[in-house]
């Protein structure tokens, strides 16, 4: 069981992700406020951070803050709008291991999370 932080700007999408991850046996904490997510991450040091936003730029902004404040755990970025090649390169340079676009199959999400946590 892993400690996972989900931050997102769409509450319903985050609730779905939390339900999926909890069914896999993980302990999941959900935030829609990026400052709250950042504070919690610094004190709790989750094993995986899932950043889920309509706009990839919001995910990258929070990811940069996380990167400055702590040793970044494994990170997955999920967006509705495809990230630019530059943003993808930047995300990978900072340590994001997976960048996914919505919509996606729940099975794909489960598979990617499992791969990240067992790598």
C-alpha atoms as a PDB file:
ATOM      1  CA  UNK A   1       0.000   0.000   0.000  1.00  0.00           C
ATOM      2  CA  UNK A   2       1.415   3.378  -1.031  1.00  0.00           C
ATOM      3  CA  UNK A   3       0.738   6.887   0.185  1.00  0.00           C
ATOM      4  CA  UNK A   4      -0.555   8.862  -2.800  1.00  0.00           C
ATOM      5  CA  UNK A   5      -1.382  12.544  -3.188  1.00  0.00           C
ATOM      6  CA  UNK A   6      -3.869  13.584  -5.842  1.00  0.00           C
ATOM      7  CA  UNK A   7      -4.155  17.242  -6.724  1.00  0.00           C
ATOM      8  CA  UNK A   8      -6.569  18.409  -9.370  1.00  0.00           C
ATOM      9  CA  UNK A   9      -8.752  21.256 -10.498  1.00  0.00           C
ATOM     10  CA  UNK A  10     -11.787  19.054 -11.234  1.00  0.00           C
ATOM     11  CA  UNK A  11     -13.139  17.557  -8.027  1.00  0.00           C
ATOM     12  CA  UNK A  12     -15.170  14.792  -9.747  1.00  0.00           C
ATOM     13  CA  UNK A  13     -12.167  13.597 -11.739  1.00  0.00           C
ATOM     14  CA  UNK A  14     -10.058  13.504  -8.575  1.00  0.00           C
ATOM     15  CA  UNK A  15     -12.754  11.571  -6.700  1.00  0.00           C
ATOM     16  CA  UNK A  16     -12.808   8.949  -9.450  1.00  0.00           C
ATOM     17  CA  UNK A  17      -9.008   8.624  -9.348  1.00  0.00           C
ATOM     18  CA  UNK A  18      -9.117   8.314  -5.554  1.00  0.00           C
ATOM     19  CA  UNK A  19     -11.744   5.550  -5.710  1.00  0.00           C
ATOM     20  CA  UNK A  20      -9.689   3.625  -8.263  1.00  0.00           C
ATOM     21  CA  UNK A  21      -6.504   3.908  -6.201  1.00  0.00           C
ATOM     22  CA  UNK A  22      -8.206   3.035  -2.920  1.00  0.00           C
ATOM     23  CA  UNK A  23      -9.626  -0.125  -4.549  1.00  0.00           C
ATOM     24  CA  UNK A  24      -6.018  -1.048  -5.353  1.00  0.00           C
ATOM     25  CA  UNK A  25      -5.287  -0.720  -1.622  1.00  0.00           C
ATOM     26  CA  UNK A  26      -3.518   2.642  -1.561  1.00  0.00           C
ATOM     27  CA  UNK A  27      -3.889   5.413   1.005  1.00  0.00           C
ATOM     28  CA  UNK A  28      -5.007   8.463  -0.982  1.00  0.00           C
ATOM     29  CA  UNK A  29      -5.180  12.118   0.038  1.00  0.00           C
ATOM     30  CA  UNK A  30      -6.985  14.516  -2.288  1.00  0.00           C
ATOM     31  CA  UNK A  31      -6.585  18.275  -2.690  1.00  0.00           C
ATOM     32  CA  UNK A  32      -8.066  20.820  -5.073  1.00  0.00           C
ATOM     33  CA  UNK A  33      -6.075  23.711  -3.615  1.00  0.00           C
ATOM     34  CA  UNK A  34      -2.446  23.646  -4.821  1.00  0.00           C
ATOM     35  CA  UNK A  35      -1.090  25.408  -1.711  1.00  0.00           C
ATOM     36  CA  UNK A  36      -2.736  22.844   0.575  1.00  0.00           C
ATOM     37  CA  UNK A  37      -1.347  20.023  -1.581  1.00  0.00           C
ATOM     38  CA  UNK A  38       2.133  21.521  -1.391  1.00  0.00           C
ATOM     39  CA  UNK A  39       2.030  21.922   2.409  1.00  0.00           C
ATOM     40  CA  UNK A  40       0.754  18.377   2.889  1.00  0.00           C
ATOM     41  CA  UNK A  41       3.394  16.949   0.528  1.00  0.00           C
ATOM     42  CA  UNK A  42       6.241  18.607   2.371  1.00  0.00           C
ATOM     43  CA  UNK A  43       5.107  17.213   5.727  1.00  0.00           C
ATOM     44  CA  UNK A  44       3.879  13.764   4.611  1.00  0.00           C
ATOM     45  CA  UNK A  45       6.220  12.898   1.701  1.00  0.00           C
ATOM     46  CA  UNK A  46       3.904  10.729  -0.423  1.00  0.00           C
ATOM     47  CA  UNK A  47       5.311   7.919  -2.569  1.00  0.00           C
ATOM     48  CA  UNK A  48       3.369   9.058  -5.630  1.00  0.00           C
ATOM     49  CA  UNK A  49       1.942  12.412  -6.653  1.00  0.00           C
ATOM     50  CA  UNK A  50      -0.805  12.538  -9.280  1.00  0.00           C
ATOM     51  CA  UNK A  51      -1.307  16.013 -10.746  1.00  0.00           C
ATOM     52  CA  UNK A  52      -4.582  16.206 -12.681  1.00  0.00           C
ATOM     53  CA  UNK A  53      -5.634  19.399 -14.430  1.00  0.00           C
ATOM     54  CA  UNK A  54      -7.522  20.580 -17.471  1.00  0.00           C
ATOM     55  CA  UNK A  55      -4.478  22.668 -18.321  1.00  0.00           C
ATOM     56  CA  UNK A  56      -1.064  21.051 -18.161  1.00  0.00           C
ATOM     57  CA  UNK A  57       0.526  24.378 -17.252  1.00  0.00           C
ATOM     58  CA  UNK A  58      -1.180  24.271 -13.825  1.00  0.00           C
ATOM     59  CA  UNK A  59       0.281  20.814 -13.186  1.00  0.00           C
ATOM     60  CA  UNK A  60       3.734  22.024 -14.162  1.00  0.00           C
ATOM     61  CA  UNK A  61       3.493  25.070 -11.880  1.00  0.00           C
ATOM     62  CA  UNK A  62       2.685  22.900  -8.866  1.00  0.00           C
ATOM     63  CA  UNK A  63       5.310  20.352  -9.898  1.00  0.00           C
ATOM     64  CA  UNK A  64       7.988  23.064 -10.014  1.00  0.00           C
ATOM     65  CA  UNK A  65       7.011  24.169  -6.488  1.00  0.00           C
ATOM     66  CA  UNK A  66       7.132  20.578  -5.247  1.00  0.00           C
ATOM     67  CA  UNK A  67      10.516  20.133  -6.872  1.00  0.00           C
ATOM     68  CA  UNK A  68      11.895  23.173  -5.028  1.00  0.00           C
ATOM     69  CA  UNK A  69      10.514  22.094  -1.639  1.00  0.00           C
ATOM     70  CA  UNK A  70      11.313  18.415  -1.377  1.00  0.00           C
ATOM     71  CA  UNK A  71      12.814  15.408  -2.987  1.00  0.00           C
ATOM     72  CA  UNK A  72      10.125  14.725  -5.523  1.00  0.00           C
ATOM     73  CA  UNK A  73       8.510  11.313  -5.336  1.00  0.00           C
ATOM     74  CA  UNK A  74       7.240   9.566  -8.411  1.00  0.00           C
ATOM     75  CA  UNK A  75       4.972  11.922 -10.338  1.00  0.00           C
ATOM     76  CA  UNK A  76       2.192  11.351 -12.841  1.00  0.00           C
ATOM     77  CA  UNK A  77       0.705  14.288 -14.764  1.00  0.00           C
ATOM     78  CA  UNK A  78      -2.768  13.988 -16.278  1.00  0.00           C
ATOM     79  CA  UNK A  79      -4.250  16.723 -18.469  1.00  0.00           C
ATOM     80  CA  UNK A  80      -7.243  17.289 -20.720  1.00  0.00           C
ATOM     81  CA  UNK A  81      -5.176  19.439 -23.054  1.00  0.00           C
ATOM     82  CA  UNK A  82      -2.107  17.758 -24.502  1.00  0.00           C
ATOM     83  CA  UNK A  83       1.174  19.103 -23.162  1.00  0.00           C
ATOM     84  CA  UNK A  84       3.478  20.727 -25.655  1.00  0.00           C
ATOM     85  CA  UNK A  85       6.719  18.903 -26.485  1.00  0.00           C
ATOM     86  CA  UNK A  86       8.574  21.566 -24.472  1.00  0.00           C
ATOM     87  CA  UNK A  87       6.312  21.027 -21.446  1.00  0.00           C
ATOM     88  CA  UNK A  88       6.760  17.255 -21.680  1.00  0.00           C
ATOM     89  CA  UNK A  89      10.536  17.666 -21.818  1.00  0.00           C
ATOM     90  CA  UNK A  90      10.408  20.048 -18.852  1.00  0.00           C
ATOM     91  CA  UNK A  91       8.185  17.661 -16.865  1.00  0.00           C
ATOM     92  CA  UNK A  92      10.520  14.730 -17.519  1.00  0.00           C
ATOM     93  CA  UNK A  93      13.563  16.848 -16.661  1.00  0.00           C
ATOM     94  CA  UNK A  94      11.979  17.666 -13.296  1.00  0.00           C
ATOM     95  CA  UNK A  95      11.240  13.985 -12.700  1.00  0.00           C
ATOM     96  CA  UNK A  96       7.716  13.296 -13.945  1.00  0.00           C
ATOM     97  CA  UNK A  97       7.666   9.711 -15.063  1.00  0.00           C
ATOM     98  CA  UNK A  98       4.278   9.610 -16.773  1.00  0.00           C
ATOM     99  CA  UNK A  99       2.303  12.246 -18.683  1.00  0.00           C
ATOM    100  CA  UNK A 100      -1.196  11.115 -19.706  1.00  0.00           C
ATOM    101  CA  UNK A 101      -4.000  12.821 -21.587  1.00  0.00           C
ATOM    102  CA  UNK A 102      -7.664  12.509 -20.714  1.00  0.00           C
ATOM    103  CA  UNK A 103      -9.868  10.814 -21.589  1.00  0.00           C
ATOM    104  CA  UNK A 104      -8.193   7.539 -20.720  1.00  0.00           C
ATOM    105  CA  UNK A 105      -9.311   4.078 -19.759  1.00  0.00           C
ATOM    106  CA  UNK A 106      -9.387   3.354 -16.024  1.00  0.00           C
ATOM    107  CA  UNK A 107      -7.391   0.196 -16.708  1.00  0.00           C
ATOM    108  CA  UNK A 108      -4.614   2.276 -18.281  1.00  0.00           C
ATOM    109  CA  UNK A 109      -4.522   4.536 -15.218  1.00  0.00           C
ATOM    110  CA  UNK A 110      -4.345   1.517 -12.884  1.00  0.00           C
ATOM    111  CA  UNK A 111      -1.593  -0.070 -14.983  1.00  0.00           C
ATOM    112  CA  UNK A 112       0.528   3.098 -15.040  1.00  0.00           C
ATOM    113  CA  UNK A 113       0.191   3.654 -11.278  1.00  0.00           C
ATOM    114  CA  UNK A 114       1.159   0.051 -10.587  1.00  0.00           C
ATOM    115  CA  UNK A 115       4.165   0.325 -12.913  1.00  0.00           C
ATOM    116  CA  UNK A 116       5.333   3.519 -11.223  1.00  0.00           C
ATOM    117  CA  UNK A 117       5.043   2.107  -7.742  1.00  0.00           C
ATOM    118  CA  UNK A 118       6.798  -1.156  -8.555  1.00  0.00           C
ATOM    119  CA  UNK A 119       9.625   0.352 -10.615  1.00  0.00           C
END
